[in-house]
Protein backbone atom coordinates (compact mmCIF):
# COMPACT_ATOMS: atom_id res chain seq x y z
CA MET A 1 127.41 63.43 86.52
CA LEU A 2 127.84 64.45 90.30
CA ARG A 3 124.31 65.72 90.44
CA ARG A 4 122.68 62.67 89.35
CA SER A 5 124.82 60.57 91.74
CA LEU A 6 123.54 62.45 94.33
CA ALA A 7 119.96 61.87 93.93
CA VAL A 8 121.03 57.83 94.03
CA VAL A 9 123.41 57.83 97.31
CA PHE A 10 121.36 60.28 99.30
CA ALA A 11 117.96 58.54 98.13
CA LEU A 12 117.89 56.72 101.77
CA LEU A 13 118.36 60.25 103.33
CA ALA A 14 115.53 60.69 105.93
CA LEU A 15 112.73 62.84 103.88
CA ALA A 16 112.70 66.46 104.25
CA THR A 17 109.02 67.30 104.81
CA VAL A 18 107.30 70.85 103.30
CA GLU A 19 105.04 72.23 105.86
CA GLY A 20 102.29 73.81 104.42
CA GLY A 21 103.46 72.33 100.89
CA ALA A 22 100.00 73.63 99.05
CA ARG A 23 99.76 75.92 96.78
CA VAL A 24 97.25 78.23 97.49
CA THR A 25 95.32 79.05 94.30
CA ALA A 26 94.39 82.34 93.03
CA GLN A 27 91.51 83.52 92.46
CA SER A 28 90.29 83.74 89.64
CA ASP A 29 87.85 85.45 87.04
CA ASP A 30 86.03 82.02 86.66
CA ASN A 31 84.08 82.41 90.13
CA PRO A 32 83.95 86.29 90.73
CA LEU A 33 81.91 88.04 92.92
CA PRO A 34 78.19 89.06 91.66
CA SER A 35 78.34 91.93 90.00
CA ASP A 36 75.62 93.22 91.81
CA SER A 37 75.82 92.17 95.06
CA ARG A 38 78.73 91.74 98.01
CA THR A 39 79.92 88.62 99.81
CA ASP A 40 80.83 89.96 103.50
CA GLY A 41 82.88 87.17 104.89
CA GLY A 42 83.67 87.49 108.46
CA SER A 43 85.28 85.26 111.26
CA GLY A 44 81.78 83.86 112.22
CA GLY A 45 78.97 84.57 113.79
CA ASP A 46 76.37 86.84 112.95
CA ASP A 47 76.79 88.88 110.30
CA PRO A 48 73.90 91.81 110.16
CA GLY A 49 75.73 93.95 107.08
CA PRO A 50 79.17 95.04 105.35
CA THR A 51 81.62 97.00 107.47
CA PHE A 52 83.45 99.69 105.73
CA GLY A 53 86.12 101.96 106.77
CA GLY A 54 89.01 103.48 105.70
CA GLY A 55 90.54 106.56 104.12
CA THR A 56 93.10 107.73 101.66
CA THR A 57 95.56 109.71 101.79
CA ASP A 58 96.60 112.52 98.38
CA ASP A 59 98.50 109.21 96.93
CA GLY A 60 96.08 107.12 97.51
CA ASP A 61 97.39 104.98 100.39
CA ILE A 62 94.73 103.99 102.72
CA THR A 63 95.26 104.74 106.20
CA ALA A 64 93.20 103.22 108.68
CA GLY A 65 90.73 100.08 108.38
CA VAL A 66 92.91 97.75 106.29
CA GLY A 67 94.05 94.84 108.79
CA THR A 68 95.71 91.67 107.96
CA GLY A 69 93.15 88.99 105.99
CA PRO A 70 91.88 85.49 107.42
CA SER A 71 94.95 83.69 106.87
CA GLY A 72 96.51 85.84 109.96
CA GLY A 73 99.59 86.94 109.70
CA GLY A 74 102.01 88.73 107.54
CA GLY A 75 105.24 90.78 107.18
CA GLY A 76 107.54 88.09 106.82
CA GLY A 77 105.37 85.26 108.42
CA SER A 78 103.70 82.26 107.73
CA PRO A 79 100.19 82.92 107.20
CA GLY A 80 97.31 79.33 107.09
CA PRO A 81 94.98 78.17 105.10
CA ALA A 82 92.13 81.29 104.10
CA THR A 83 89.49 81.22 105.96
CA PHE A 84 86.28 83.02 105.79
CA GLY A 85 82.97 82.86 108.38
CA PRO A 86 79.61 82.67 106.54
CA GLN A 87 79.19 84.77 103.37
CA CYS A 88 75.69 86.58 102.80
CA THR A 89 74.72 87.99 99.74
CA TRP A 90 73.42 91.67 98.83
CA VAL A 91 70.91 92.01 96.35
CA PRO A 92 69.34 95.83 95.55
CA ALA A 93 66.07 95.76 96.32
CA THR A 94 63.16 96.67 94.56
CA ILE A 95 59.40 97.54 94.34
CA GLY A 96 59.95 94.53 91.72
CA ASN A 97 61.10 91.81 94.09
CA LEU A 98 59.65 93.04 97.20
CA GLY A 99 56.27 93.26 96.55
CA GLY A 100 53.47 95.25 97.98
CA ALA A 101 52.70 93.61 100.55
CA SER A 102 56.74 94.22 102.08
CA LEU A 103 57.71 97.15 101.01
CA PRO A 104 58.70 99.52 103.46
CA SER A 105 56.52 102.46 104.71
CA ASP A 106 59.18 104.99 104.31
CA VAL A 107 60.02 104.06 100.71
CA VAL A 108 60.30 107.41 98.63
CA ASP A 109 60.00 107.72 94.71
CA ASN A 110 57.93 104.01 94.49
CA THR A 111 56.76 105.00 90.61
CA ASP A 112 59.93 102.75 88.66
CA ILE A 113 59.72 98.97 90.23
CA ASP A 114 62.56 98.21 88.77
CA ALA A 115 65.08 101.34 90.73
CA GLN A 116 66.52 100.27 94.18
CA ILE A 117 64.39 101.42 96.46
CA THR A 118 65.62 105.10 98.89
CA ASN A 119 64.23 106.42 101.88
CA SER A 120 64.04 109.77 103.17
CA GLU A 121 67.64 109.15 104.92
CA GLY A 122 69.63 108.13 102.07
CA GLU A 123 70.12 105.04 102.89
CA PHE A 124 69.15 101.92 99.97
CA GLY A 125 67.17 99.15 100.57
CA TRP A 126 68.74 95.99 99.72
CA LEU A 127 67.86 92.18 100.45
CA ARG A 128 70.40 90.12 102.19
CA LEU A 129 70.33 85.92 102.43
CA CYS A 130 72.93 84.71 104.76
CA PRO A 131 73.60 80.82 104.67
CA GLY A 132 70.80 79.14 106.88
CA ASP A 133 68.28 81.91 106.05
CA LEU A 134 65.45 80.67 104.54
CA VAL A 135 63.70 83.86 103.35
CA ALA A 136 66.22 86.95 102.44
CA ALA A 137 66.23 90.28 105.25
CA PHE A 138 64.70 93.58 103.69
CA VAL A 139 68.20 96.34 105.48
CA TRP A 140 68.47 99.66 105.42
CA GLN A 141 72.28 100.53 104.37
CA GLY A 142 73.99 104.28 103.70
CA PRO A 143 75.44 105.41 100.04
CA VAL A 144 78.59 102.99 100.19
CA ASP A 145 82.37 104.75 98.88
CA PRO A 146 83.58 102.20 97.04
CA VAL A 147 87.23 103.16 98.74
CA ASP A 148 85.10 101.77 101.99
CA LEU A 149 85.17 98.40 100.51
CA VAL A 150 89.36 97.61 99.66
CA PRO A 151 89.48 96.82 103.32
CA GLY A 152 87.04 93.68 102.22
CA ALA A 153 89.12 92.96 98.88
CA ALA A 154 92.60 93.32 100.68
CA ASP A 155 91.55 90.35 103.01
CA ARG A 156 90.77 88.61 100.33
CA ALA A 157 93.76 88.96 98.79
CA ARG A 158 95.90 88.17 101.38
CA ALA A 159 94.54 85.03 102.32
CA GLN A 160 95.11 83.80 98.06
CA LEU A 161 98.11 84.75 97.41
CA PRO A 162 99.97 81.42 96.86
CA ARG A 163 103.03 80.02 98.62
CA PRO A 164 106.24 80.06 97.49
CA VAL A 165 106.60 76.37 95.11
CA PRO A 166 110.85 76.26 95.58
CA ASN A 167 112.51 74.68 92.13
CA MET A 168 115.73 74.00 93.41
CA SER A 169 118.92 71.84 93.47
CA PRO A 170 119.79 69.23 95.35
CA ALA A 171 115.66 69.55 96.17
CA PRO A 172 114.51 69.11 99.71
CA GLU A 173 113.38 65.28 99.78
CA ILE A 174 117.63 64.62 98.91
CA GLY A 175 119.57 66.85 101.06
CA SER A 176 122.74 68.14 100.13
CA VAL A 177 126.36 67.65 101.12
CA VAL A 178 129.05 69.90 102.27
CA ASN A 179 130.91 72.48 99.87
CA LEU A 180 128.48 71.58 96.85
CA GLY A 181 126.95 74.49 96.10
CA LEU A 182 123.07 75.01 95.92
CA TRP A 183 120.41 76.75 93.49
CA PHE A 184 117.41 78.63 94.36
CA ALA A 185 114.41 79.46 92.22
CA VAL A 186 110.86 79.04 92.77
CA ASP A 187 108.07 78.75 89.89
CA ASP A 188 105.82 82.03 88.81
CA PRO A 189 102.66 82.23 91.29
CA GLY A 190 101.08 84.68 88.91
CA VAL A 191 98.64 87.42 89.87
CA THR A 192 96.50 87.36 92.46
CA THR A 193 92.72 89.26 92.10
CA ALA A 194 90.43 89.97 94.46
CA ARG A 195 87.05 91.92 94.04
CA ALA A 196 84.50 93.02 97.09
CA SER A 197 81.66 95.15 95.68
CA LEU A 198 77.94 96.72 96.58
CA GLY A 199 75.83 97.49 93.56
CA THR A 200 77.62 99.47 91.26
CA ALA A 201 80.28 99.77 93.36
CA TRP A 202 83.52 97.83 93.93
CA ALA A 203 87.29 97.77 95.34
CA GLU A 204 89.50 95.05 93.04
CA VAL A 205 92.40 94.25 95.08
CA GLN A 206 95.39 92.58 92.46
CA GLY A 207 99.18 91.01 94.07
CA ARG A 208 101.72 90.54 92.31
CA PHE A 209 105.18 89.18 92.76
CA ASP A 210 108.40 91.34 94.54
CA SER A 211 110.88 89.32 95.49
CA VAL A 212 111.98 85.92 97.05
CA SER A 213 114.35 85.40 99.57
CA ILE A 214 115.55 82.03 101.53
CA ASP A 215 116.64 81.38 104.86
CA PRO A 216 119.35 78.47 104.65
CA GLY A 217 118.55 77.97 108.60
CA ASP A 218 122.27 77.76 109.31
CA GLY A 219 122.77 81.50 110.83
CA SER A 220 123.61 83.05 107.89
CA PRO A 221 121.99 85.85 106.18
CA PRO A 222 118.86 85.13 103.54
CA VAL A 223 120.01 85.59 100.19
CA THR A 224 117.39 87.74 97.83
CA CYS A 225 117.35 86.30 94.04
CA ASP A 226 117.05 88.13 91.06
CA GLY A 227 113.28 87.54 89.96
CA PHE A 228 112.16 83.82 90.31
CA GLY A 229 115.77 82.95 91.22
CA THR A 230 117.85 80.36 88.42
CA PRO A 231 117.12 76.82 87.98
CA TYR A 232 120.15 74.58 88.03
CA PRO A 233 120.03 73.60 84.21
CA ASP A 234 119.26 70.76 82.97
CA GLY A 235 122.59 67.93 82.37
CA SER A 236 124.91 70.78 84.09
CA ASP A 237 127.61 68.96 86.23
CA ASP A 238 129.04 72.29 88.13
CA PRO A 239 129.60 72.12 91.55
CA ASP A 240 129.32 75.71 92.60
CA GLU A 241 126.52 77.78 93.57
CA GLY A 242 124.45 79.29 91.73
CA PRO A 243 123.08 83.05 91.28
CA CYS A 244 121.08 82.79 93.60
CA GLY A 245 122.36 80.30 95.81
CA HIS A 246 124.31 78.88 98.95
CA THR A 247 127.32 76.51 100.25
CA TYR A 248 126.76 74.96 103.58
CA ARG A 249 130.33 74.08 104.81
CA GLN A 250 129.67 72.08 107.67
CA ARG A 251 126.89 68.85 107.82
CA THR A 252 123.96 68.81 110.29
CA PRO A 253 123.96 66.14 113.15
CA ASP A 254 121.76 63.31 113.09
CA ALA A 255 118.01 64.32 113.22
CA GLN A 256 118.96 68.30 113.62
CA PRO A 257 117.96 68.88 110.15
CA HIS A 258 118.46 72.32 108.80
CA ARG A 259 114.77 75.10 108.69
CA MET A 260 115.32 76.55 105.62
CA THR A 261 112.54 79.08 104.67
CA TYR A 262 111.30 80.44 100.80
CA THR A 263 109.25 84.11 101.58
CA ILE A 264 107.62 85.70 98.61
CA THR A 265 107.11 88.83 98.98
CA TYR A 266 104.14 90.08 96.75
CA ASP A 267 103.55 94.04 96.18
CA LEU A 268 99.12 94.93 96.86
CA THR A 269 97.70 97.38 95.10
CA TRP A 270 94.26 98.35 94.55
CA ARG A 271 91.13 99.93 91.89
CA THR A 272 88.43 100.99 92.75
CA SER A 273 84.65 101.90 90.47
CA ASP A 274 85.14 105.73 90.43
CA GLY A 275 88.86 105.74 89.25
CA GLY A 276 90.63 105.43 92.48
CA SER A 277 94.39 103.29 92.82
CA GLY A 278 96.84 103.55 95.49
CA SER A 279 99.61 100.73 96.95
CA LEU A 280 98.59 98.97 100.23
CA GLY A 281 102.44 98.13 100.36
CA THR A 282 103.61 94.59 100.99
CA PHE A 283 103.00 91.21 102.01
CA ASP A 284 104.91 88.17 102.55
CA ARG A 285 104.02 83.89 101.99
CA ALA A 286 106.49 81.79 102.91
CA VAL A 287 107.07 77.76 103.84
CA THR A 288 109.93 75.86 105.95
CA PHE A 289 110.85 72.65 105.38
CA ASP A 290 113.39 70.27 106.54
CA TYR A 291 117.01 70.11 105.08
CA ASP A 292 120.02 68.03 105.48
CA ILE A 293 123.67 68.50 105.38
CA ASP A 294 125.62 65.44 104.67
CA GLU A 295 129.31 64.90 104.25
CA ILE A 296 130.82 62.92 101.98
CA GLN A 297 134.01 60.64 103.90
CA THR A 298 137.42 59.40 101.91
CA VAL A 299 139.18 56.06 102.72
CA GLY A 300 142.22 56.08 102.25
CA THR A 301 144.49 53.31 102.12
CA GLY A 302 148.22 52.67 102.34
């Protein structure tokens, strides 16, 4: 069969290199943030306290304080691996876990030893333990609006969105030939979920597959697939391009392969512990790799 033969004919071609091909695993429920604490990751350095900001419009869209995640990039870029700075754990401070000797002087209503302590300014007491600390530090923190936790959850969700995993024929390591149709598809990346919490307040951001597009790298427009695309049928000898595909009309020069790019666009949504919800728009993850196109030469005899 034609495609099986191609695998043999072009096995000796230069192998394509998939850049950043390692799949980023989405956060799962097996590794949630503590229900009574907030992990506050930053870009490194000191971690003096949770950082908040942002607001919502009437339709629930975040209008401020939501930036790109620690991975860097988005909107058509190709973010790198997720990197977070030191993470601090925040635990509600009570009379019971502080002890009488270390109880702040401005505590009010100290009759319940298991309740989180407060002061006259309406702030709540927290014990913050960061990497490298020998003991937890006591800090006062004002009341938290759950929507202010959305930016942190969004940063983590963006950084964990999986890169595309191409499922195409002919495969990148084989390459193709002039006038042979390609079939494009990607593996289902699943749903990515990230949560940030502080006390009983929490915000959760989910990233879901929206679309996938492929730039063949030959100057032609990107191809947008229907859903995840269509894998090449097993056992088929169809030489034409698939429902989501492309056909190269010229070979690539020696040592100058095309740079093919798969881009998945994710739809990001948020919800909070007080019932709020909304949209964060879309975010792209991409992978680029070399793709060689050869040409079958025919030799006539007279």
